[in-house]
Amino acid sequence: MIELKSDIIDIKESLESFRGSIKKDEQYDGFHIPKETMNKMTFDDIEREVIAYLLENNGWNVEHAATQLNQTSRNIYKKMKKYNITKEDRWRR
């Protein structure tokens, strides 16, 4: 039996959309998770890193991060709570 989570589809579509939204003349700092690390991560780990990355690069503006992921701000806030993503926590790393 195969279980397909809508969140997985959403994040894949959002990442493709995000990649496509970058213009050729824009500098892209290349969010990258090394393959060796990614192989050890769960989907939740990857989703957490993507959301935290977008929040950091958008000055912690949830609306902008949500727009880039084609999600609602409410959904991003839920994910922030689920993964305990806070600005203060990220500064301590």
Protein backbone atom coordinates (compact mmCIF):
# COMPACT_ATOMS: atom_id res chain seq x y z
CA MET A 1 0.00 0.00 0.00
CA ILE A 2 1.32 3.43 -0.93
CA GLU A 3 0.45 6.43 1.16
CA LEU A 4 0.82 9.77 -0.56
CA LYS A 5 0.94 12.85 1.61
CA SER A 6 -0.37 16.05 0.10
CA ASP A 7 2.34 17.98 1.97
CA ILE A 8 5.01 16.12 0.01
CA ILE A 9 3.38 17.06 -3.27
CA ASP A 10 2.93 20.65 -2.09
CA ILE A 11 6.56 21.08 -1.07
CA LYS A 12 7.87 19.51 -4.30
CA GLU A 13 5.64 21.76 -6.40
CA SER A 14 6.61 24.76 -4.31
CA LEU A 15 10.32 24.09 -4.65
CA GLU A 16 9.96 23.74 -8.42
CA SER A 17 8.02 27.00 -8.50
CA PHE A 18 10.65 28.66 -6.31
CA ARG A 19 13.46 27.51 -8.61
CA GLY A 20 11.54 28.75 -11.65
CA SER A 21 10.93 32.16 -10.11
CA ILE A 22 14.64 33.03 -9.96
CA LYS A 23 15.69 35.17 -12.88
CA LYS A 24 18.95 34.41 -14.64
CA ASP A 25 20.45 37.77 -13.69
CA GLU A 26 19.63 37.33 -9.99
CA GLN A 27 22.17 35.95 -7.58
CA TYR A 28 21.02 32.68 -6.06
CA ASP A 29 22.94 31.62 -3.00
CA GLY A 30 22.02 28.03 -3.69
CA PHE A 31 20.14 26.53 -0.78
CA HIS A 32 21.72 23.14 -0.70
CA ILE A 33 21.58 20.10 1.52
CA PRO A 34 24.43 17.70 0.78
CA LYS A 35 23.25 14.35 -0.56
CA GLU A 36 24.87 12.44 2.31
CA THR A 37 23.01 14.60 4.83
CA MET A 38 19.72 14.48 2.94
CA ASN A 39 19.81 10.68 2.82
CA LYS A 40 19.74 10.69 6.64
CA MET A 41 16.94 13.27 6.92
CA THR A 42 13.22 12.67 7.15
CA PHE A 43 10.74 14.63 5.07
CA ASP A 44 9.94 16.69 8.18
CA ASP A 45 13.64 17.53 8.63
CA ILE A 46 13.89 18.75 5.03
CA GLU A 47 10.65 20.72 5.25
CA ARG A 48 11.87 22.37 8.46
CA GLU A 49 15.15 23.41 6.83
CA VAL A 50 13.41 24.81 3.74
CA ILE A 51 10.95 26.84 5.80
CA ALA A 52 13.66 28.13 8.15
CA TYR A 53 15.87 29.03 5.18
CA LEU A 54 13.10 30.98 3.45
CA LEU A 55 12.16 32.78 6.66
CA GLU A 56 15.76 33.81 7.27
CA ASN A 57 16.17 35.03 3.70
CA ASN A 58 12.94 37.00 3.89
CA GLY A 59 13.79 38.78 7.14
CA TRP A 60 11.40 36.48 9.01
CA ASN A 61 8.49 37.84 6.98
CA VAL A 62 6.07 34.91 7.06
CA GLU A 63 3.91 36.35 4.27
CA HIS A 64 6.85 36.49 1.84
CA ALA A 65 8.02 32.97 2.73
CA ALA A 66 4.47 31.67 2.32
CA THR A 67 4.17 33.31 -1.09
CA GLN A 68 7.39 31.66 -2.28
CA LEU A 69 6.05 28.28 -1.19
CA ASN A 70 2.54 28.92 -2.58
CA GLN A 71 1.20 28.39 0.93
CA THR A 72 -0.91 30.46 3.27
CA SER A 73 0.70 32.38 6.11
CA ARG A 74 -1.47 30.35 8.46
CA ASN A 75 0.05 27.12 7.14
CA ILE A 76 3.58 28.49 7.62
CA TYR A 77 2.75 29.51 11.20
CA LYS A 78 1.44 25.97 11.83
CA LYS A 79 4.66 24.49 10.44
CA MET A 80 6.74 26.90 12.53
CA LYS A 81 4.90 25.70 15.62
CA LYS A 82 5.13 22.04 14.59
CA TYR A 83 8.90 22.25 14.00
CA ASN A 84 9.57 24.80 16.74
CA ILE A 85 11.09 27.27 14.29
CA THR A 86 11.84 30.58 15.98
CA LYS A 87 14.08 33.47 15.11
CA GLU A 88 15.77 33.22 18.49
CA ASP A 89 16.44 29.50 18.06
CA ARG A 90 18.07 30.00 14.66
CA TRP A 91 20.42 32.70 16.00
CA ARG A 92 21.77 30.28 18.63
CA ARG A 93 22.99 27.78 16.02
